[in-house]
């Protein structure tokens, strides 16, 4: 398992980054790689890359597959001999059998529609340099070059490669994270999860954009280790959130499409950030003091700024359509105007946000015990604490729901945020609920979430139309129409909140079984 940070380099910063990498003892090497996949993309569709790469005067065959966390990747390399005029050796996928990455690949190839064939290649120059940090060593790898499509395009297509990777060779993950953060801040680097293999896939399908990544459920069966170790629970949940954040943030930064064409990516990025903020807030008490206090402000800033984009570009656009159906005069439905094409990308590139993501990635990958004296709760107290948090959030939500008609707009918004925290915390703990009770509880939240979401959007739209009305009186039609809808939407929210189900019980953690051989060995000790 390799642990690395990967950054895309802004063109204006390439010269400075190159000079910095060459400042110490470094090694230049020319690399040419060939990537393989099946006609139905059995590998790339699952985040797997299989390649033959010429590294200087030798060939290496490699398979890479996604790991469990945002920093983890399974990788298996096989030496294929010296380079010769005869060209590349024949691909032999079976050479990876028995390795984690190889086994993942073999499962993906079962039932594939056709044999493996070369799809695209890379031609690049790499400069590597070992760099020490306190207690460890990292390898810097600067890659510049191009990806070239080999198949499925009427003419040669290519894309630029300009990346810096920092891979842990030895020492603590926290040290690697600090080193990565230093380089990112000094050179304006931006985290990216888009691999060279994915860049090749884009050449085979022009205009292709990686779909927005939504939150995925935590793996069932992971309950016992989560509850037995509070720190492990924190790392697991934060890692789970980061997968969604990094995938969508990378797409927003790397694509050339305007913000309006990435609306779902922006939406899912905000959901990922809100889930992460919920985790930081609700799980801190399990092992106090392990979360850095500056993470929350950086996350909140980007969340709010992206929210402003969504309000103007998506909420008004949707309500303009409803106003049209309601019979609004055509003259009212003025063009909204698009935000600058890369407004969302500029927000995601914010240094404080990038720095927080680097630190959070390092936190989730660092399995070392904390040395600051932070005392984690024992398993039974972890369960009790989480159960009380869930119950407390539900109680507050129900109490505010009964009087939602009398709540001012800010209090209604706080109610919605509290309901979302209840949802996300329950989602994090679904594997720990008995049977299907967790899914049933989450299902009972959905109508209330939808109703409060509609209420929030109507209030935001009303404020925006009121602002527009100071410049264009036609917008008062929208203000009036929304005011007439408010009582109905509020009532729908109150009814939906009243139907929220009971919080299910978290089952008791069980200590892992100790093999008989281990018990016997322990008994024999003096």
Protein backbone atom coordinates (compact mmCIF):
# COMPACT_ATOMS: atom_id res chain seq x y z
CA UNK A 1 0.00 0.00 0.00
CA UNK A 2 1.50 3.34 -1.03
CA UNK A 3 0.69 6.64 0.68
CA UNK A 4 1.09 9.75 -1.41
CA UNK A 5 -0.18 13.26 -2.04
CA UNK A 6 -0.70 14.34 -5.64
CA UNK A 7 -1.01 17.94 -6.80
CA UNK A 8 -1.71 19.56 -10.13
CA UNK A 9 0.67 22.42 -10.91
CA UNK A 10 -0.66 25.70 -12.34
CA UNK A 11 1.24 26.46 -15.59
CA UNK A 12 2.57 29.72 -14.17
CA UNK A 13 4.18 27.83 -11.26
CA UNK A 14 5.89 25.06 -13.23
CA UNK A 15 9.26 26.80 -13.57
CA UNK A 16 9.45 27.53 -9.84
CA UNK A 17 8.42 23.98 -8.89
CA UNK A 18 10.96 22.48 -11.31
CA UNK A 19 13.74 24.63 -9.88
CA UNK A 20 12.74 23.66 -6.33
CA UNK A 21 12.75 19.92 -7.12
CA UNK A 22 16.18 20.21 -8.77
CA UNK A 23 17.63 22.08 -5.80
CA UNK A 24 18.85 18.89 -4.14
CA UNK A 25 20.31 15.66 -5.52
CA UNK A 26 17.79 14.56 -8.13
CA UNK A 27 17.37 11.96 -10.86
CA UNK A 28 15.82 12.67 -14.27
CA UNK A 29 14.25 9.79 -16.17
CA UNK A 30 12.29 9.45 -19.39
CA UNK A 31 9.14 7.35 -19.15
CA UNK A 32 6.80 5.95 -21.78
CA UNK A 33 3.79 3.93 -20.68
CA UNK A 34 1.04 1.93 -22.36
CA UNK A 35 -2.33 1.50 -20.61
CA UNK A 36 -4.70 -1.41 -21.20
CA UNK A 37 -8.41 -1.99 -20.74
CA UNK A 38 -11.30 -4.02 -22.15
CA UNK A 39 -13.84 -2.68 -24.69
CA UNK A 40 -16.38 -2.16 -21.88
CA UNK A 41 -13.84 -0.38 -19.63
CA UNK A 42 -13.90 -3.15 -17.00
CA UNK A 43 -10.80 -1.66 -15.32
CA UNK A 44 -11.06 2.11 -15.66
CA UNK A 45 -14.73 2.13 -14.62
CA UNK A 46 -13.60 0.68 -11.27
CA UNK A 47 -10.62 2.96 -10.74
CA UNK A 48 -8.08 0.31 -11.81
CA UNK A 49 -5.09 1.04 -14.06
CA UNK A 50 -2.97 -1.63 -15.79
CA UNK A 51 0.16 -0.49 -17.61
CA UNK A 52 3.50 -1.39 -19.10
CA UNK A 53 6.00 1.41 -18.58
CA UNK A 54 9.49 1.93 -19.86
CA UNK A 55 11.49 3.57 -17.09
CA UNK A 56 14.82 4.52 -18.58
CA UNK A 57 16.33 1.25 -19.84
CA UNK A 58 13.91 -1.22 -18.24
CA UNK A 59 10.24 -2.23 -18.48
CA UNK A 60 7.94 -2.44 -15.45
CA UNK A 61 4.38 -3.82 -15.44
CA UNK A 62 2.07 -2.24 -12.85
CA UNK A 63 -1.50 -2.52 -11.66
CA UNK A 64 -3.04 0.12 -9.38
CA UNK A 65 -6.38 -0.01 -7.57
CA UNK A 66 -8.20 2.23 -5.14
CA UNK A 67 -7.55 1.72 -1.45
CA UNK A 68 -9.81 2.35 1.53
CA UNK A 69 -8.86 5.96 2.16
CA UNK A 70 -8.10 9.11 0.15
CA UNK A 71 -4.33 8.56 0.51
CA UNK A 72 -4.28 4.80 0.09
CA UNK A 73 -3.70 2.97 -3.18
CA UNK A 74 -2.98 -0.68 -3.85
CA UNK A 75 -0.05 -1.05 -6.23
CA UNK A 76 1.87 -4.05 -7.50
CA UNK A 77 4.94 -3.81 -9.75
CA UNK A 78 6.68 -6.56 -11.72
CA UNK A 79 10.03 -6.14 -13.46
CA UNK A 80 9.72 -7.13 -17.14
CA UNK A 81 13.35 -6.92 -18.18
CA UNK A 82 15.62 -4.56 -20.06
CA UNK A 83 14.38 -2.39 -22.90
CA UNK A 84 15.38 -3.59 -26.36
CA UNK A 85 14.83 -2.67 -30.03
CA UNK A 86 12.16 -5.40 -30.16
CA UNK A 87 9.83 -3.09 -28.21
CA UNK A 88 7.60 -3.66 -25.21
CA UNK A 89 7.15 -7.12 -23.69
CA UNK A 90 3.78 -8.83 -24.01
CA UNK A 91 1.26 -7.93 -21.32
CA UNK A 92 0.88 -10.63 -18.65
CA UNK A 93 -1.89 -9.74 -16.15
CA UNK A 94 -1.42 -13.06 -14.32
CA UNK A 95 1.91 -11.81 -12.96
CA UNK A 96 -0.09 -9.75 -10.44
CA UNK A 97 -2.07 -12.71 -9.07
CA UNK A 98 -1.95 -12.96 -5.30
CA UNK A 99 -1.37 -9.26 -4.67
CA UNK A 100 -4.23 -7.07 -3.37
CA UNK A 101 -4.18 -4.91 -6.49
CA UNK A 102 -3.93 -7.95 -8.75
CA UNK A 103 -6.84 -9.73 -7.09
CA UNK A 104 -9.01 -6.62 -7.47
CA UNK A 105 -8.08 -6.48 -11.15
CA UNK A 106 -8.82 -10.17 -11.75
CA UNK A 107 -12.28 -9.82 -10.22
CA UNK A 108 -12.97 -6.83 -12.45
CA UNK A 109 -11.94 -8.75 -15.57
CA UNK A 110 -14.35 -11.60 -14.89
CA UNK A 111 -17.13 -11.34 -17.43
CA UNK A 112 -15.51 -8.43 -19.29
CA UNK A 113 -16.76 -7.86 -22.82
CA UNK A 114 -13.62 -8.65 -24.77
CA UNK A 115 -9.87 -8.94 -24.27
CA UNK A 116 -7.46 -6.38 -22.93
CA UNK A 117 -6.10 -3.95 -25.51
CA UNK A 118 -3.98 -0.82 -25.46
CA UNK A 119 -6.13 2.30 -25.08
CA UNK A 120 -3.75 5.22 -24.54
CA UNK A 121 -0.20 5.99 -23.54
CA UNK A 122 1.90 8.54 -21.69
CA UNK A 123 5.14 10.21 -22.71
CA UNK A 124 6.70 12.16 -19.90
CA UNK A 125 9.83 13.27 -18.12
CA UNK A 126 10.09 12.57 -14.41
CA UNK A 127 12.44 14.20 -11.94
CA UNK A 128 12.70 12.45 -8.58
CA UNK A 129 14.35 13.61 -5.39
CA UNK A 130 14.45 12.17 -1.89
CA UNK A 131 13.73 14.77 0.75
CA UNK A 132 14.03 14.33 4.49
CA UNK A 133 11.58 15.59 7.07
CA UNK A 134 11.54 15.20 10.85
CA UNK A 135 11.64 11.46 11.47
CA UNK A 136 11.23 10.30 7.89
CA UNK A 137 11.85 10.43 4.17
CA UNK A 138 9.66 11.27 1.17
CA UNK A 139 10.16 11.04 -2.57
CA UNK A 140 9.25 14.02 -4.73
CA UNK A 141 8.27 13.14 -8.29
CA UNK A 142 7.69 15.90 -10.83
CA UNK A 143 5.96 14.61 -13.97
CA UNK A 144 5.64 16.70 -17.13
CA UNK A 145 4.57 15.44 -20.52
CA UNK A 146 1.42 14.27 -22.27
CA UNK A 147 -1.21 11.55 -22.48
CA UNK A 148 -1.86 10.31 -26.03
CA UNK A 149 -4.97 8.40 -27.13
CA UNK A 150 -4.18 5.19 -29.04
CA UNK A 151 -7.64 3.86 -29.81
CA UNK A 152 -11.15 5.05 -30.60
CA UNK A 153 -10.30 8.55 -31.85
CA UNK A 154 -10.28 9.62 -35.52
CA UNK A 155 -7.03 11.50 -35.01
CA UNK A 156 -4.40 11.68 -32.32
CA UNK A 157 -5.67 13.35 -29.17
CA UNK A 158 -3.44 14.41 -26.30
CA UNK A 159 -3.64 16.05 -22.89
CA UNK A 160 -1.05 17.76 -20.72
CA UNK A 161 0.57 16.13 -17.68
CA UNK A 162 1.91 18.50 -15.02
CA UNK A 163 1.88 16.92 -11.57
CA UNK A 164 3.88 16.75 -8.37
CA UNK A 165 3.65 13.69 -6.13
CA UNK A 166 5.01 13.28 -2.62
CA UNK A 167 5.22 9.63 -1.58
CA UNK A 168 6.05 8.38 1.89
CA UNK A 169 9.21 6.24 1.95
CA UNK A 170 9.64 6.06 5.72
CA UNK A 171 8.51 7.81 8.88
CA UNK A 172 5.20 9.21 10.12
CA UNK A 173 2.32 10.17 7.83
CA UNK A 174 1.92 13.42 9.78
CA UNK A 175 5.42 14.46 8.70
CA UNK A 176 4.59 13.77 5.05
CA UNK A 177 1.41 15.84 5.40
CA UNK A 178 3.34 18.80 6.83
CA UNK A 179 5.86 18.55 3.99
CA UNK A 180 3.07 18.38 1.38
CA UNK A 181 1.34 21.38 2.92
CA UNK A 182 4.58 23.39 2.81
CA UNK A 183 5.10 22.69 -0.88
CA UNK A 184 1.46 23.39 -1.69
CA UNK A 185 1.48 26.75 0.07
CA UNK A 186 4.82 27.84 -1.39
CA UNK A 187 3.87 27.03 -4.98
CA UNK A 188 0.07 27.36 -5.12
CA UNK A 189 -0.44 23.64 -5.75
CA UNK A 190 -3.92 22.09 -5.73
CA UNK A 191 -4.81 18.56 -4.65
CA UNK A 192 -6.04 16.28 -7.42
CA UNK A 193 -7.33 12.71 -7.45
CA UNK A 194 -7.45 12.56 -11.26
CA UNK A 195 -4.95 9.95 -12.39
CA UNK A 196 -3.02 9.76 -15.64
CA UNK A 197 -5.25 6.83 -16.51
CA UNK A 198 -8.34 9.01 -16.14
CA UNK A 199 -6.77 11.69 -18.32
CA UNK A 200 -6.39 9.03 -20.97
CA UNK A 201 -10.03 7.99 -20.61
CA UNK A 202 -11.09 11.58 -21.24
CA UNK A 203 -9.25 11.58 -24.55
CA UNK A 204 -11.23 8.52 -25.64
CA UNK A 205 -14.49 10.33 -24.84
CA UNK A 206 -14.16 14.08 -25.54
CA UNK A 207 -16.46 16.23 -23.40
CA UNK A 208 -16.47 13.43 -20.82
CA UNK A 209 -16.58 14.62 -17.22
CA UNK A 210 -16.27 12.31 -14.24
CA UNK A 211 -19.79 12.15 -12.76
CA UNK A 212 -20.33 13.93 -9.48
CA UNK A 213 -19.55 11.63 -6.56
CA UNK A 214 -22.24 11.29 -3.92
CA UNK A 215 -21.82 9.94 -0.41
CA UNK A 216 -21.55 6.17 -0.20
CA UNK A 217 -22.62 4.12 2.81
CA UNK A 218 -20.01 2.88 5.20
CA UNK A 219 -19.24 -0.79 4.75
CA UNK A 220 -21.50 -3.14 6.68
CA UNK A 221 -19.68 -5.35 9.11
CA UNK A 222 -17.24 -2.66 10.27
CA UNK A 223 -19.13 -2.04 13.53
CA UNK A 224 -16.94 -3.88 16.02
CA UNK A 225 -13.62 -2.20 15.21
CA UNK A 226 -15.33 1.19 15.00
CA UNK A 227 -16.76 0.99 18.49
CA UNK A 228 -13.78 -0.75 20.03
CA UNK A 229 -11.49 2.13 19.03
CA UNK A 230 -12.75 5.72 19.20
CA UNK A 231 -9.75 7.03 17.26
CA UNK A 232 -10.35 4.45 14.52
CA UNK A 233 -13.98 5.58 14.28
CA UNK A 234 -12.86 9.18 13.84
CA UNK A 235 -10.37 8.27 11.09
CA UNK A 236 -12.84 6.00 9.29
CA UNK A 237 -15.64 8.54 9.16
CA UNK A 238 -13.41 11.46 8.16
CA UNK A 239 -11.82 9.34 5.43
CA UNK A 240 -15.30 8.41 4.22
CA UNK A 241 -16.18 12.11 3.92
CA UNK A 242 -12.94 13.05 2.19
CA UNK A 243 -13.49 10.59 -0.66
CA UNK A 244 -16.58 12.54 -1.74
CA UNK A 245 -14.95 15.94 -1.21
CA UNK A 246 -11.70 15.23 -3.06
CA UNK A 247 -13.36 13.61 -6.08
CA UNK A 248 -15.70 16.55 -6.70
CA UNK A 249 -13.14 19.24 -5.82
CA UNK A 250 -10.63 17.70 -8.26
CA UNK A 251 -13.15 17.69 -11.08
CA UNK A 252 -14.11 21.32 -10.43
CA UNK A 253 -10.47 22.42 -10.49
CA UNK A 254 -9.29 20.35 -13.43
CA UNK A 255 -12.14 20.73 -15.91
CA UNK A 256 -12.45 23.60 -18.38
CA UNK A 257 -16.25 23.59 -18.22
CA UNK A 258 -18.06 26.60 -16.70
CA UNK A 259 -19.48 26.47 -13.20
CA UNK A 260 -23.02 26.14 -14.54
CA UNK A 261 -22.09 22.78 -16.15
CA UNK A 262 -20.67 21.53 -12.85
CA UNK A 263 -23.69 22.34 -10.70
CA UNK A 264 -24.02 18.78 -9.42
CA UNK A 265 -20.30 18.59 -8.58
CA UNK A 266 -20.60 21.83 -6.58
CA UNK A 267 -23.72 20.47 -4.87
CA UNK A 268 -22.05 17.17 -3.94
CA UNK A 269 -18.90 18.95 -2.79
CA UNK A 270 -21.00 21.04 -0.41
CA UNK A 271 -22.73 17.90 0.87
CA UNK A 272 -19.34 16.30 1.48
CA UNK A 273 -18.12 19.38 3.36
CA UNK A 274 -21.28 19.48 5.49
CA UNK A 275 -20.88 15.78 6.32
CA UNK A 276 -17.25 16.36 7.28
CA UNK A 277 -18.18 19.33 9.48
CA UNK A 278 -20.82 17.16 11.17
CA UNK A 279 -18.22 14.47 11.84
CA UNK A 280 -15.80 17.00 13.33
CA UNK A 281 -18.51 18.41 15.56
CA UNK A 282 -20.18 15.21 16.72
CA UNK A 283 -17.18 12.86 17.00
CA UNK A 284 -14.67 15.16 18.69
CA UNK A 285 -15.80 14.12 22.17
CA UNK A 286 -14.89 10.48 21.50
CA UNK A 287 -11.15 11.26 21.51
CA UNK A 288 -10.92 14.96 22.43
CA UNK A 289 -8.30 17.29 21.05
CA UNK A 290 -7.35 15.30 17.95
CA UNK A 291 -9.13 17.61 15.48
CA UNK A 292 -7.28 20.83 14.57
CA UNK A 293 -9.43 23.90 15.40
CA UNK A 294 -8.56 25.67 12.12
CA UNK A 295 -10.14 22.94 9.96
CA UNK A 296 -13.69 24.10 10.65
CA UNK A 297 -13.26 27.79 9.61
CA UNK A 298 -11.57 26.79 6.34
CA UNK A 299 -14.33 24.30 5.53
CA UNK A 300 -17.09 26.73 6.50
CA UNK A 301 -15.67 29.51 4.32
CA UNK A 302 -15.62 27.39 1.15
CA UNK A 303 -19.02 25.86 1.97
CA UNK A 304 -20.64 29.27 2.28
CA UNK A 305 -19.01 30.73 -0.83
CA UNK A 306 -20.03 27.76 -2.94
CA UNK A 307 -23.51 28.11 -1.46
CA UNK A 308 -23.75 31.66 -2.76
CA UNK A 309 -23.00 30.36 -6.26
CA UNK A 310 -25.69 27.71 -5.96
CA UNK A 311 -28.28 30.19 -4.67
CA UNK A 312 -27.98 32.47 -7.66
CA UNK A 313 -27.34 29.91 -10.36
CA UNK A 314 -29.61 27.05 -9.32
CA UNK A 315 -32.33 28.27 -6.95
CA UNK A 316 -33.37 31.24 -9.06
CA UNK A 317 -33.14 29.22 -12.23
CA UNK A 318 -35.52 26.65 -10.77
CA UNK A 319 -37.96 29.22 -9.47
CA UNK A 320 -37.96 31.10 -12.76
CA UNK A 321 -39.32 27.91 -14.32
CA UNK A 322 -42.02 27.66 -11.63
CA UNK A 323 -42.98 31.30 -12.07
CA UNK A 324 -43.36 30.71 -15.79
CA UNK A 325 -45.75 27.83 -15.06
CA UNK A 326 -47.62 30.06 -12.59
CA UNK A 327 -48.37 32.55 -15.38
CA UNK A 328 -45.74 35.17 -14.72
CA UNK A 329 -45.37 37.64 -17.59
CA UNK A 330 -42.50 36.75 -19.89
CA UNK A 331 -40.92 40.13 -19.24
CA UNK A 332 -40.39 39.10 -15.59
CA UNK A 333 -38.25 36.11 -16.43
CA UNK A 334 -35.10 38.08 -17.03
CA UNK A 335 -31.84 36.24 -17.85
CA UNK A 336 -29.99 35.58 -14.62
CA UNK A 337 -26.51 35.76 -16.08
CA UNK A 338 -23.88 33.17 -15.42
CA UNK A 339 -21.21 33.47 -12.80
CA UNK A 340 -17.62 33.61 -14.08
CA UNK A 341 -16.75 30.32 -15.73
CA UNK A 342 -14.26 29.18 -13.09
CA UNK A 343 -15.75 30.83 -9.99
CA UNK A 344 -16.14 27.48 -8.20
CA UNK A 345 -12.59 26.44 -9.13
CA UNK A 346 -11.19 29.67 -7.68
CA UNK A 347 -13.03 28.99 -4.42
CA UNK A 348 -11.76 25.40 -4.21
CA UNK A 349 -8.18 26.58 -4.78
CA UNK A 350 -8.32 28.73 -1.61
CA UNK A 351 -5.01 28.00 0.21
CA UNK A 352 -6.60 27.57 3.66
CA UNK A 353 -9.05 25.02 2.25
CA UNK A 354 -6.31 23.11 0.43
CA UNK A 355 -4.18 23.12 3.57
CA UNK A 356 -7.05 21.77 5.67
CA UNK A 357 -7.63 18.96 3.16
CA UNK A 358 -3.94 17.99 3.21
CA UNK A 359 -3.95 17.86 7.02
CA UNK A 360 -7.21 15.91 7.11
CA UNK A 361 -5.85 13.38 4.61
CA UNK A 362 -2.77 12.95 6.77
CA UNK A 363 -4.94 12.55 9.86
CA UNK A 364 -7.02 9.76 8.33
CA UNK A 365 -3.96 7.82 7.13
CA UNK A 366 -1.96 8.15 10.36
CA UNK A 367 -2.51 5.02 12.48
CA UNK A 368 -0.01 6.09 15.14
CA UNK A 369 -1.27 6.58 18.66
CA UNK A 370 -1.65 10.25 19.68
CA UNK A 371 1.23 11.51 21.83
CA UNK A 372 -0.47 14.61 23.22
CA UNK A 373 -2.12 12.79 26.10
CA UNK A 374 -5.63 12.89 24.58
CA UNK A 375 -7.78 10.30 26.34
CA UNK A 376 -10.12 8.33 24.08
CA UNK A 377 -13.41 7.00 25.47
CA UNK A 378 -13.66 3.27 26.14
CA UNK A 379 -15.96 1.26 23.84
CA UNK A 380 -19.02 1.23 26.08
CA UNK A 381 -18.80 5.01 26.53
CA UNK A 382 -18.38 5.53 22.77
CA UNK A 383 -21.66 3.69 22.20
CA UNK A 384 -23.43 5.53 25.02
CA UNK A 385 -22.18 8.94 23.84
CA UNK A 386 -23.27 8.39 20.25
CA UNK A 387 -26.67 7.08 21.31
CA UNK A 388 -27.23 10.19 23.44
CA UNK A 389 -26.16 12.50 20.60
CA UNK A 390 -28.61 10.89 18.20
CA UNK A 391 -31.44 11.05 20.72
CA UNK A 392 -30.67 14.65 21.67
CA UNK A 393 -30.66 15.81 18.05
CA UNK A 394 -33.98 14.08 17.38
CA UNK A 395 -35.57 15.58 20.51
CA UNK A 396 -34.51 19.09 19.52
CA UNK A 397 -35.69 18.61 15.95
CA UNK A 398 -39.13 17.41 17.06
CA UNK A 399 -39.52 20.24 19.59
CA UNK A 400 -38.69 22.90 17.00
CA UNK A 401 -40.83 21.13 14.41
CA UNK A 402 -43.93 21.44 16.55
CA UNK A 403 -43.52 25.24 16.67
CA UNK A 404 -42.02 25.84 13.24
CA UNK A 405 -44.89 28.19 12.30
CA UNK A 406 -43.71 30.63 14.99
CA UNK A 407 -39.98 30.33 14.35
CA UNK A 408 -38.17 33.17 12.63
CA UNK A 409 -36.29 32.38 9.42
CA UNK A 410 -32.86 32.03 11.15
CA UNK A 411 -34.34 29.57 13.68
CA UNK A 412 -35.95 27.54 10.88
CA UNK A 413 -32.57 27.38 9.17
CA UNK A 414 -30.93 26.15 12.38
CA UNK A 415 -33.61 23.46 12.59
CA UNK A 416 -32.76 22.33 9.07
CA UNK A 417 -29.04 22.18 9.87
CA UNK A 418 -29.74 20.18 13.03
CA UNK A 419 -31.85 17.72 11.04
CA UNK A 420 -29.01 17.31 8.57
CA UNK A 421 -26.58 16.60 11.42
CA UNK A 422 -28.97 13.95 12.69
CA UNK A 423 -29.11 12.38 9.24
CA UNK A 424 -25.36 12.37 8.66
CA UNK A 425 -24.50 11.04 12.12
CA UNK A 426 -27.03 8.24 11.63
CA UNK A 427 -25.56 7.48 8.19
CA UNK A 428 -22.09 7.19 9.71
CA UNK A 429 -23.43 4.64 12.20
CA UNK A 430 -25.74 2.57 9.98
CA UNK A 431 -23.51 -0.54 10.28
CA UNK A 432 -23.90 -0.36 14.06
CA UNK A 433 -27.71 -0.43 14.12
CA UNK A 434 -29.56 -3.71 14.51
CA UNK A 435 -30.88 -5.20 11.29
CA UNK A 436 -32.53 -2.74 8.93
CA UNK A 437 -33.55 -0.30 11.66
CA UNK A 438 -30.95 2.26 10.60
CA UNK A 439 -32.20 2.34 7.01
CA UNK A 440 -35.81 2.63 8.23
CA UNK A 441 -34.89 5.57 10.47
CA UNK A 442 -33.08 7.36 7.65
CA UNK A 443 -36.07 6.76 5.40
CA UNK A 444 -38.29 8.51 7.97
CA UNK A 445 -36.04 11.60 7.79
CA UNK A 446 -36.27 12.05 4.02
CA UNK A 447 -39.72 13.74 3.81
CA UNK A 448 -38.72 16.25 6.50
CA UNK A 449 -35.39 16.96 4.80
CA UNK A 450 -37.17 17.55 1.49
CA UNK A 451 -39.81 19.82 3.06
CA UNK A 452 -37.28 21.92 4.97
CA UNK A 453 -35.09 22.09 1.87
CA UNK A 454 -38.01 23.52 -0.07
CA UNK A 455 -38.75 26.00 2.71
CA UNK A 456 -35.11 27.11 2.74
CA UNK A 457 -34.98 27.52 -1.03
CA UNK A 458 -38.17 29.59 -1.05
CA UNK A 459 -36.77 31.93 1.60
CA UNK A 460 -33.46 32.29 -0.26
CA UNK A 461 -35.29 32.93 -3.54
CA UNK A 462 -37.48 35.53 -1.87
CA UNK A 463 -34.43 37.39 -0.60
CA UNK A 464 -32.80 37.25 -4.03
CA UNK A 465 -35.94 38.47 -5.83
CA UNK A 466 -36.25 41.27 -3.26
CA UNK A 467 -32.65 42.27 -4.00
CA UNK A 468 -33.32 42.19 -7.75
CA UNK A 469 -36.48 44.27 -7.25
CA UNK A 470 -34.39 47.23 -6.10
CA UNK A 471 -33.13 47.39 -9.67
CA UNK A 472 -36.05 45.87 -11.56
CA UNK A 473 -39.60 46.19 -10.20
CA UNK A 474 -40.77 43.18 -12.21
CA UNK A 475 -39.12 40.93 -9.60
CA UNK A 476 -41.84 41.87 -7.06
CA UNK A 477 -44.06 39.33 -8.81
CA UNK A 478 -41.70 36.60 -7.60
CA UNK A 479 -41.61 38.04 -4.07
CA UNK A 480 -45.40 38.04 -3.87
CA UNK A 481 -45.80 34.55 -5.31
CA UNK A 482 -43.32 33.12 -2.80
CA UNK A 483 -44.98 34.96 0.12
CA UNK A 484 -48.30 33.35 -0.81
CA UNK A 485 -46.70 29.90 -0.77
CA UNK A 486 -44.95 30.27 2.60
CA UNK A 487 -47.79 29.11 4.91
CA UNK A 488 -48.38 25.98 2.81
CA UNK A 489 -44.67 25.09 2.74
CA UNK A 490 -44.32 25.66 6.50
CA UNK A 491 -47.29 23.41 7.24
CA UNK A 492 -45.87 20.68 5.03
CA UNK A 493 -42.60 20.91 6.97
CA UNK A 494 -44.35 20.61 10.34
CA UNK A 495 -46.26 17.51 9.26
CA UNK A 496 -43.16 15.85 7.81
CA UNK A 497 -41.12 16.54 10.95
CA UNK A 498 -43.82 14.95 13.12
CA UNK A 499 -43.41 11.65 11.22
CA UNK A 500 -39.72 11.18 12.07
CA UNK A 501 -39.18 7.71 13.52
CA UNK A 502 -37.56 6.63 16.77
CA UNK A 503 -33.78 6.50 16.95
CA UNK A 504 -32.75 2.83 16.77
CA UNK A 505 -30.43 1.33 19.32
CA UNK A 506 -26.74 0.93 18.60
CA UNK A 507 -25.84 -2.66 19.36
CA UNK A 508 -23.20 -3.36 21.95
CA UNK A 509 -19.63 -3.68 20.73
CA UNK A 510 -18.11 -7.11 20.86
CA UNK A 511 -14.44 -7.70 21.44
CA UNK A 512 -12.77 -9.54 18.55
CA UNK A 513 -12.40 -13.27 19.07
CA UNK A 514 -8.92 -14.40 20.04
CA UNK A 515 -7.77 -17.50 18.13
CA UNK A 516 -7.26 -20.60 20.28
CA UNK A 517 -3.57 -20.71 19.36
CA UNK A 518 -3.12 -17.16 20.61
CA UNK A 519 -4.93 -18.00 23.87
CA UNK A 520 -2.72 -21.02 24.40
CA UNK A 521 0.42 -19.01 23.73
CA UNK A 522 -0.68 -16.37 26.21
CA UNK A 523 -1.39 -19.04 28.86
CA UNK A 524 2.11 -20.47 28.46
CA UNK A 525 3.78 -17.14 29.15
CA UNK A 526 5.49 -17.00 32.58
